[in-house]
C-alpha atoms as a PDB file:
ATOM      1  CA  MET A   1       8.891  -0.341  12.981  1.00  0.00           C
ATOM      2  CA  SER A   2       6.431  -1.235  15.709  1.00  0.00           C
ATOM      3  CA  ASN A   3       2.922  -2.261  16.739  1.00  0.00           C
ATOM      4  CA  LYS A   4       2.889  -5.969  15.880  1.00  0.00           C
ATOM      5  CA  GLN A   5      -0.303  -7.877  16.459  1.00  0.00           C
ATOM      6  CA  ASN A   6      -1.520 -11.320  15.428  1.00  0.00           C
ATOM      7  CA  GLN A   7      -3.809 -11.413  12.420  1.00  0.00           C
ATOM      8  CA  TRP A   8      -4.792 -13.864   9.732  1.00  0.00           C
ATOM      9  CA  ILE A   9      -3.703 -13.275   6.163  1.00  0.00           C
ATOM     10  CA  VAL A  10      -5.148 -15.371   3.373  1.00  0.00           C
ATOM     11  CA  GLY A  11      -4.663 -16.051  -0.306  1.00  0.00           C
ATOM     12  CA  LEU A  12      -1.804 -17.538  -2.306  1.00  0.00           C
ATOM     13  CA  ASN A  13       0.123 -14.340  -3.051  1.00  0.00           C
ATOM     14  CA  ALA A  14      -0.270 -12.776   0.395  1.00  0.00           C
ATOM     15  CA  VAL A  15       0.803 -15.891   2.301  1.00  0.00           C
ATOM     16  CA  ALA A  16       3.643 -16.736  -0.100  1.00  0.00           C
ATOM     17  CA  SER A  17       4.989 -13.193   0.188  1.00  0.00           C
ATOM     18  CA  ALA A  18       4.834 -13.201   3.991  1.00  0.00           C
ATOM     19  CA  ILE A  19       6.779 -16.479   4.115  1.00  0.00           C
ATOM     20  CA  GLU A  20       9.343 -15.275   1.594  1.00  0.00           C
ATOM     21  CA  HIS A  21       9.935 -11.767   2.945  1.00  0.00           C
ATOM     22  CA  ASP A  22       9.042 -11.927   6.640  1.00  0.00           C
ATOM     23  CA  ALA A  23       9.130 -15.569   7.776  1.00  0.00           C
ATOM     24  CA  ASP A  24      10.082 -14.630  11.349  1.00  0.00           C
ATOM     25  CA  ASN A  25       6.627 -13.116  11.825  1.00  0.00           C
ATOM     26  CA  VAL A  26       4.647 -16.045  10.360  1.00  0.00           C
ATOM     27  CA  ARG A  27       3.441 -18.094  13.321  1.00  0.00           C
ATOM     28  CA  GLU A  28       1.688 -20.934  11.480  1.00  0.00           C
ATOM     29  CA  VAL A  29       0.294 -21.799   8.062  1.00  0.00           C
ATOM     30  CA  LEU A  30      -3.030 -23.533   7.426  1.00  0.00           C
ATOM     31  CA  VAL A  31      -3.502 -25.374   4.140  1.00  0.00           C
ATOM     32  CA  GLU A  32      -6.415 -27.261   2.659  1.00  0.00           C
ATOM     33  CA  ALA A  33      -5.765 -30.652   1.053  1.00  0.00           C
ATOM     34  CA  SER A  34      -5.209 -29.608  -2.559  1.00  0.00           C
ATOM     35  CA  LYS A  35      -3.560 -30.599  -5.820  1.00  0.00           C
ATOM     36  CA  ASN A  36      -2.787 -26.944  -6.522  1.00  0.00           C
ATOM     37  CA  PRO A  37       1.003 -26.742  -7.015  1.00  0.00           C
ATOM     38  CA  ARG A  38       1.052 -23.230  -5.514  1.00  0.00           C
ATOM     39  CA  VAL A  39      -0.406 -24.525  -2.256  1.00  0.00           C
ATOM     40  CA  THR A  40       2.159 -27.348  -2.213  1.00  0.00           C
ATOM     41  CA  GLU A  41       4.967 -24.871  -2.869  1.00  0.00           C
ATOM     42  CA  ILE A  42       3.813 -22.636  -0.014  1.00  0.00           C
ATOM     43  CA  GLU A  43       3.595 -25.624   2.344  1.00  0.00           C
ATOM     44  CA  GLU A  44       7.090 -26.807   1.428  1.00  0.00           C
ATOM     45  CA  ASN A  45       8.609 -23.339   1.721  1.00  0.00           C
ATOM     46  CA  ALA A  46       7.004 -22.839   5.134  1.00  0.00           C
ATOM     47  CA  ARG A  47       8.354 -26.150   6.407  1.00  0.00           C
ATOM     48  CA  ARG A  48      11.849 -25.323   5.104  1.00  0.00           C
ATOM     49  CA  LYS A  49      11.783 -22.139   7.155  1.00  0.00           C
ATOM     50  CA  GLY A  50      10.652 -23.926  10.310  1.00  0.00           C
ATOM     51  CA  ILE A  51       7.076 -22.662  10.240  1.00  0.00           C
ATOM     52  CA  GLU A  52       4.385 -24.962  11.587  1.00  0.00           C
ATOM     53  CA  VAL A  53       1.988 -26.165   8.868  1.00  0.00           C
ATOM     54  CA  ARG A  54      -1.421 -27.672   9.606  1.00  0.00           C
ATOM     55  CA  LYS A  55      -3.783 -29.416   7.171  1.00  0.00           C
ATOM     56  CA  VAL A  56      -7.305 -28.185   7.827  1.00  0.00           C
ATOM     57  CA  THR A  57     -10.755 -28.281   6.267  1.00  0.00           C
ATOM     58  CA  GLU A  58     -12.199 -25.678   3.942  1.00  0.00           C
ATOM     59  CA  GLN A  59     -14.616 -24.737   6.712  1.00  0.00           C
ATOM     60  CA  ALA A  60     -11.725 -23.989   9.071  1.00  0.00           C
ATOM     61  CA  LEU A  61     -10.035 -21.800   6.470  1.00  0.00           C
ATOM     62  CA  SER A  62     -13.253 -19.917   5.792  1.00  0.00           C
ATOM     63  CA  GLY A  63     -13.594 -19.326   9.519  1.00  0.00           C
ATOM     64  CA  VAL A  64     -10.266 -17.479   9.773  1.00  0.00           C
ATOM     65  CA  ALA A  65     -10.601 -15.766   6.379  1.00  0.00           C
ATOM     66  CA  GLY A  66     -13.477 -13.581   7.502  1.00  0.00           C
ATOM     67  CA  GLY A  67     -15.187 -13.544   4.132  1.00  0.00           C
ATOM     68  CA  VAL A  68     -11.998 -13.051   2.077  1.00  0.00           C
ATOM     69  CA  ARG A  69     -11.362 -15.675  -0.636  1.00  0.00           C
ATOM     70  CA  HIS A  70      -8.636 -17.847   0.890  1.00  0.00           C
ATOM     71  CA  GLN A  71      -7.586 -19.970  -2.138  1.00  0.00           C
ATOM     72  CA  GLY A  72      -6.793 -22.894   0.136  1.00  0.00           C
ATOM     73  CA  VAL A  73      -4.206 -21.248   2.385  1.00  0.00           C
ATOM     74  CA  ALA A  74      -3.986 -18.919   5.395  1.00  0.00           C
ATOM     75  CA  ALA A  75      -1.284 -17.792   7.794  1.00  0.00           C
ATOM     76  CA  ARG A  76      -1.307 -16.431  11.333  1.00  0.00           C
ATOM     77  CA  TYR A  77       0.932 -13.419  11.123  1.00  0.00           C
ATOM     78  CA  ALA A  78       2.481 -11.357  13.949  1.00  0.00           C
ATOM     79  CA  ALA A  79       2.166  -8.096  12.080  1.00  0.00           C
ATOM     80  CA  ALA A  80       1.307  -6.041  10.035  1.00  0.00           C
ATOM     81  CA  LYS A  81       4.521  -4.086  10.297  1.00  0.00           C
ATOM     82  CA  THR A  82       3.890  -0.421  10.799  1.00  0.00           C
ATOM     83  CA  TRP A  83       6.240   2.491  10.368  1.00  0.00           C
ATOM     84  CA  ALA A  84       6.216   5.473  12.687  1.00  0.00           C
ATOM     85  CA  GLU A  85       5.831   8.981  11.315  1.00  0.00           C
ATOM     86  CA  SER A  86       9.187   9.824  12.896  1.00  0.00           C
ATOM     87  CA  GLU A  87      10.860   7.353  10.515  1.00  0.00           C
ATOM     88  CA  LEU A  88       9.883   9.351   7.426  1.00  0.00           C
ATOM     89  CA  GLU A  89      12.892  11.651   7.760  1.00  0.00           C
ATOM     90  CA  GLY A  90      15.274   8.687   7.679  1.00  0.00           C
ATOM     91  CA  LEU A  91      13.508   7.247   4.642  1.00  0.00           C
ATOM     92  CA  LEU A  92      13.872  10.596   2.869  1.00  0.00           C
ATOM     93  CA  GLU A  93      17.553  10.790   3.711  1.00  0.00           C
ATOM     94  CA  SER A  94      18.179   7.310   2.342  1.00  0.00           C
ATOM     95  CA  ALA A  95      16.523   8.324  -0.945  1.00  0.00           C
ATOM     96  CA  GLU A  96      19.289  10.935  -1.456  1.00  0.00           C
ATOM     97  CA  GLY A  97      17.154  13.659  -3.001  1.00  0.00           C
ATOM     98  CA  LYS A  98      15.023  11.344  -5.122  1.00  0.00           C
ATOM     99  CA  ALA A  99      12.287  10.361  -2.691  1.00  0.00           C
ATOM    100  CA  LEU A 100       8.941   9.465  -4.221  1.00  0.00           C
ATOM    101  CA  LEU A 101       6.098   9.386  -1.687  1.00  0.00           C
ATOM    102  CA  LEU A 102       2.517   8.328  -2.269  1.00  0.00           C
ATOM    103  CA  VAL A 103      -0.009   9.964   0.060  1.00  0.00           C
ATOM    104  CA  LEU A 104      -3.539   8.553   0.101  1.00  0.00           C
ATOM    105  CA  ASP A 105      -6.072  10.839   1.755  1.00  0.00           C
ATOM    106  CA  GLY A 106      -8.926   8.677   2.997  1.00  0.00           C
ATOM    107  CA  VAL A 107      -8.980   5.560   0.796  1.00  0.00           C
ATOM    108  CA  GLN A 108     -11.546   3.355   2.515  1.00  0.00           C
ATOM    109  CA  ASP A 109     -11.913   0.393   0.157  1.00  0.00           C
ATOM    110  CA  PRO A 110      -9.325  -2.269   1.062  1.00  0.00           C
ATOM    111  CA  HIS A 111      -9.217  -3.486  -2.551  1.00  0.00           C
ATOM    112  CA  ASN A 112      -8.302   0.018  -3.693  1.00  0.00           C
ATOM    113  CA  LEU A 113      -5.600   0.390  -1.043  1.00  0.00           C
ATOM    114  CA  GLY A 114      -4.160  -3.008  -1.950  1.00  0.00           C
ATOM    115  CA  ALA A 115      -4.057  -2.084  -5.632  1.00  0.00           C
ATOM    116  CA  CYS A 116      -2.416   1.261  -4.801  1.00  0.00           C
ATOM    117  CA  LEU A 117       0.259  -0.504  -2.730  1.00  0.00           C
ATOM    118  CA  ARG A 118       0.924  -2.880  -5.607  1.00  0.00           C
ATOM    119  CA  SER A 119       1.471   0.037  -8.006  1.00  0.00           C
ATOM    120  CA  ALA A 120       3.612   1.800  -5.411  1.00  0.00           C
ATOM    121  CA  ALA A 121       5.869  -1.220  -4.991  1.00  0.00           C
ATOM    122  CA  ALA A 122       6.189  -1.620  -8.758  1.00  0.00           C
ATOM    123  CA  ALA A 123       7.130   2.060  -9.079  1.00  0.00           C
ATOM    124  CA  GLY A 124       9.778   1.863  -6.343  1.00  0.00           C
ATOM    125  CA  VAL A 125       7.995   4.297  -4.038  1.00  0.00           C
ATOM    126  CA  THR A 126       9.950   5.363  -0.940  1.00  0.00           C
ATOM    127  CA  ALA A 127       6.913   5.161   1.356  1.00  0.00           C
ATOM    128  CA  VAL A 128       3.134   5.296   1.348  1.00  0.00           C
ATOM    129  CA  VAL A 129       1.485   7.667   3.830  1.00  0.00           C
ATOM    130  CA  ILE A 130      -2.109   7.162   4.998  1.00  0.00           C
ATOM    131  CA  PRO A 131      -4.113   8.841   7.777  1.00  0.00           C
ATOM    132  CA  LYS A 132      -5.214   6.821  10.805  1.00  0.00           C
ATOM    133  CA  ASP A 133      -8.736   8.241  10.629  1.00  0.00           C
ATOM    134  CA  LYS A 134     -11.244   7.761   7.786  1.00  0.00           C
ATOM    135  CA  SER A 135      -8.927   5.356   6.015  1.00  0.00           C
ATOM    136  CA  VAL A 136      -8.628   1.590   5.816  1.00  0.00           C
ATOM    137  CA  GLY A 137      -5.512   0.109   7.395  1.00  0.00           C
ATOM    138  CA  VAL A 138      -3.373  -2.742   6.096  1.00  0.00           C
ATOM    139  CA  ASN A 139      -5.773  -5.596   6.835  1.00  0.00           C
ATOM    140  CA  ALA A 140      -6.037  -9.104   5.378  1.00  0.00           C
ATOM    141  CA  THR A 141      -7.946  -7.943   2.291  1.00  0.00           C
ATOM    142  CA  VAL A 142      -5.394  -5.217   1.596  1.00  0.00           C
ATOM    143  CA  ARG A 143      -2.537  -7.684   1.950  1.00  0.00           C
ATOM    144  CA  LYS A 144      -4.181 -10.158  -0.428  1.00  0.00           C
ATOM    145  CA  THR A 145      -5.043  -7.532  -3.038  1.00  0.00           C
ATOM    146  CA  SER A 146      -1.558  -6.029  -2.883  1.00  0.00           C
ATOM    147  CA  ALA A 147      -0.075  -9.393  -4.003  1.00  0.00           C
ATOM    148  CA  GLY A 148       2.766  -9.078  -1.526  1.00  0.00           C
ATOM    149  CA  ALA A 149       3.434  -5.355  -1.921  1.00  0.00           C
ATOM    150  CA  ALA A 150       2.399  -4.701   1.684  1.00  0.00           C
ATOM    151  CA  ASP A 151       5.570  -6.584   2.728  1.00  0.00           C
ATOM    152  CA  LEU A 152       7.851  -4.668   0.384  1.00  0.00           C
ATOM    153  CA  ILE A 153       7.270  -0.964   1.041  1.00  0.00           C
ATOM    154  CA  PRO A 154       6.922   1.150   4.204  1.00  0.00           C
ATOM    155  CA  VAL A 155       3.329   2.126   4.968  1.00  0.00           C
ATOM    156  CA  VAL A 156       3.210   5.020   7.436  1.00  0.00           C
ATOM    157  CA  GLN A 157      -0.036   5.814   9.264  1.00  0.00           C
ATOM    158  CA  VAL A 158      -0.142   9.370  10.574  1.00  0.00           C
ATOM    159  CA  THR A 159      -2.400  11.008  13.134  1.00  0.00           C
ATOM    160  CA  ASN A 160      -2.604  14.408  11.442  1.00  0.00           C
ATOM    161  CA  LEU A 161      -2.116  14.312   7.660  1.00  0.00           C
ATOM    162  CA  SER A 162      -1.991  18.094   7.230  1.00  0.00           C
ATOM    163  CA  ARG A 163       0.760  18.404   9.828  1.00  0.00           C
ATOM    164  CA  CYS A 164       2.656  15.561   8.177  1.00  0.00           C
ATOM    165  CA  LEU A 165       2.507  17.311   4.809  1.00  0.00           C
ATOM    166  CA  LYS A 166       3.796  20.522   6.404  1.00  0.00           C
ATOM    167  CA  ASP A 167       6.685  18.606   7.988  1.00  0.00           C
ATOM    168  CA  LEU A 168       7.523  16.987   4.649  1.00  0.00           C
ATOM    169  CA  GLN A 169       7.692  20.411   3.022  1.00  0.00           C
ATOM    170  CA  LYS A 170      10.171  21.516   5.688  1.00  0.00           C
ATOM    171  CA  LEU A 171      12.287  18.494   4.725  1.00  0.00           C
ATOM    172  CA  GLY A 172      12.414  19.643   1.114  1.00  0.00           C
ATOM    173  CA  VAL A 173       9.583  17.619  -0.401  1.00  0.00           C
ATOM    174  CA  TRP A 174       7.375  19.156  -3.103  1.00  0.00           C
ATOM    175  CA  ILE A 175       3.751  18.115  -2.631  1.00  0.00           C
ATOM    176  CA  TYR A 176       1.277  17.851  -5.490  1.00  0.00           C
ATOM    177  CA  GLY A 177      -2.372  16.872  -5.159  1.00  0.00           C
ATOM    178  CA  LEU A 178      -4.518  15.290  -7.850  1.00  0.00           C
ATOM    179  CA  ALA A 179      -7.811  17.092  -8.434  1.00  0.00           C
ATOM    180  CA  GLY A 180     -10.096  16.822 -11.443  1.00  0.00           C
ATOM    181  CA  GLU A 181     -10.917  20.549 -11.465  1.00  0.00           C
ATOM    182  CA  ALA A 182      -7.268  21.682 -11.458  1.00  0.00           C
ATOM    183  CA  ASP A 183      -6.004  23.737 -14.399  1.00  0.00           C
ATOM    184  CA  ALA A 184      -2.470  22.335 -14.592  1.00  0.00           C
ATOM    185  CA  SER A 185      -1.694  18.942 -16.094  1.00  0.00           C
ATOM    186  CA  LEU A 186       0.169  16.172 -14.299  1.00  0.00           C
ATOM    187  CA  TYR A 187       2.467  16.041 -17.320  1.00  0.00           C
ATOM    188  CA  SER A 188       3.609  19.624 -16.792  1.00  0.00           C
ATOM    189  CA  LEU A 189       5.266  18.805 -13.450  1.00  0.00           C
ATOM    190  CA  ASP A 190       8.921  18.153 -12.776  1.00  0.00           C
ATOM    191  CA  LEU A 191       8.834  14.945 -10.726  1.00  0.00           C
ATOM    192  CA  LYS A 192      12.533  14.163 -10.566  1.00  0.00           C
ATOM    193  CA  GLY A 193      13.386  15.355  -7.019  1.00  0.00           C
ATOM    194  CA  ASN A 194      11.822  14.790  -3.610  1.00  0.00           C
ATOM    195  CA  VAL A 195       8.136  14.583  -4.449  1.00  0.00           C
ATOM    196  CA  ALA A 196       4.947  13.518  -2.673  1.00  0.00           C
ATOM    197  CA  LEU A 197       1.913  12.747  -4.838  1.00  0.00           C
ATOM    198  CA  VAL A 198      -1.400  13.032  -2.998  1.00  0.00           C
ATOM    199  CA  LEU A 199      -4.605  11.325  -4.087  1.00  0.00           C
ATOM    200  CA  GLY A 200      -7.975  11.502  -2.389  1.00  0.00           C
ATOM    201  CA  GLY A 201     -10.524   8.914  -1.342  1.00  0.00           C
ATOM    202  CA  GLU A 202     -13.174   7.210  -3.412  1.00  0.00           C
ATOM    203  CA  SER A 203     -16.073   9.581  -2.865  1.00  0.00           C
ATOM    204  CA  ASP A 204     -14.847  13.006  -1.775  1.00  0.00           C
ATOM    205  CA  GLY A 205     -11.355  13.244  -3.230  1.00  0.00           C
ATOM    206  CA  LEU A 206      -8.875  15.444  -1.385  1.00  0.00           C
ATOM    207  CA  ARG A 207     -10.077  16.993   1.850  1.00  0.00           C
ATOM    208  CA  ARG A 208      -9.942  20.770   2.186  1.00  0.00           C
ATOM    209  CA  LEU A 209      -7.003  20.915   4.611  1.00  0.00           C
ATOM    210  CA  THR A 210      -5.077  18.439   2.500  1.00  0.00           C
ATOM    211  CA  ARG A 211      -5.544  20.645  -0.554  1.00  0.00           C
ATOM    212  CA  GLU A 212      -4.377  23.692   1.334  1.00  0.00           C
ATOM    213  CA  HIS A 213      -1.096  22.003   2.249  1.00  0.00           C
ATOM    214  CA  CYS A 214      -0.216  21.019  -1.313  1.00  0.00           C
ATOM    215  CA  ASP A 215       2.278  23.090  -3.304  1.00  0.00           C
ATOM    216  CA  GLY A 216       0.047  22.667  -6.325  1.00  0.00           C
ATOM    217  CA  LEU A 217      -2.971  20.835  -7.701  1.00  0.00           C
ATOM    218  CA  VAL A 218      -2.870  19.026 -11.023  1.00  0.00           C
ATOM    219  CA  LYS A 219      -5.141  16.786 -13.049  1.00  0.00           C
ATOM    220  CA  ILE A 220      -4.780  13.802 -15.337  1.00  0.00           C
ATOM    221  CA  PRO A 221      -5.982  15.007 -18.750  1.00  0.00           C
ATOM    222  CA  MET A 222      -9.013  12.973 -19.841  1.00  0.00           C
ATOM    223  CA  PRO A 223     -10.318  13.950 -23.274  1.00  0.00           C
ATOM    224  CA  GLY A 224     -12.947  11.193 -23.300  1.00  0.00           C
ATOM    225  CA  ALA A 225     -16.478  11.091 -21.942  1.00  0.00           C
ATOM    226  CA  ILE A 226     -15.515   9.799 -18.467  1.00  0.00           C
ATOM    227  CA  GLU A 227     -14.603  12.542 -15.999  1.00  0.00           C
ATOM    228  CA  SER A 228     -12.961  10.554 -13.214  1.00  0.00           C
ATOM    229  CA  LEU A 229     -10.883   7.438 -12.581  1.00  0.00           C
ATOM    230  CA  ASN A 230     -10.783   4.879  -9.814  1.00  0.00           C
ATOM    231  CA  VAL A 231      -8.179   5.957  -7.243  1.00  0.00           C
ATOM    232  CA  SER A 232      -6.018   2.884  -7.851  1.00  0.00           C
ATOM    233  CA  VAL A 233      -5.976   3.542 -11.610  1.00  0.00           C
ATOM    234  CA  ALA A 234      -5.157   7.217 -11.064  1.00  0.00           C
ATOM    235  CA  THR A 235      -2.387   6.188  -8.651  1.00  0.00           C
ATOM    236  CA  GLY A 236      -0.784   3.955 -11.252  1.00  0.00           C
ATOM    237  CA  ILE A 237      -0.883   6.634 -13.944  1.00  0.00           C
ATOM    238  CA  THR A 238       0.521   9.273 -11.606  1.00  0.00           C
ATOM    239  CA  LEU A 239       3.340   7.168 -10.167  1.00  0.00           C
ATOM    240  CA  PHE A 240       4.527   5.911 -13.520  1.00  0.00           C
ATOM    241  CA  GLU A 241       4.705   9.419 -14.925  1.00  0.00           C
ATOM    242  CA  ALA A 242       7.239  10.047 -12.146  1.00  0.00           C
ATOM    243  CA  VAL A 243       9.028   6.801 -13.073  1.00  0.00           C
ATOM    244  CA  ARG A 244       9.141   7.853 -16.733  1.00  0.00           C
ATOM    245  CA  GLN A 245      10.703  11.189 -15.858  1.00  0.00           C
ATOM    246  CA  ARG A 246      13.246   9.621 -13.497  1.00  0.00           C
ATOM    247  CA  GLN A 247      14.500   7.247 -16.165  1.00  0.00           C
END
């Protein structure tokens, strides 16, 4: 892991998770005077772990939150932790033939990425892969929306997604992309081994080169009047089909 930089994270779940799972990287916690027991719990936990806590005004919290709803608490964080592409092979090896990867091709809405990370953590995903270009990174909004999931699973940003997919195939990973026009159903796949599930961004879906590096394209059957799903909803459905099969 590498590339630590100071940033502000805000919101009850995001700050509580950072203190609980990665206290060494929390530099200070700002809290607003509040009767909210969650804020008090965060303050007490931070002090127990030797983290400086400062009482500040709502205006001060809004200043560091950058427009994100802070819920009365913020933390200066020497992160986010990032995982190098070279570490993917080790993550696959540790999964012992049952790796489950989530690949997100160009998700640009931080709320969507946060929700996808939350589903990924709940599903026990081995790692989440995102491209460095045309994709949101793990920022304060993503951390807040993920409700702590950003601290729990490896998020790997790669320079060339197509090359990464090709390398994963060489390591024995089957790669399946989600596309609404595909003929095959998600439920026809065998998702028990080393598998990467690839979902596209909000507007354009999977990019052409990404499609070409998938072993197959599948769709989520939708017999109703709506023809597409939000990427975070589709991610949850797709990942938990893999979970169902693996149980």
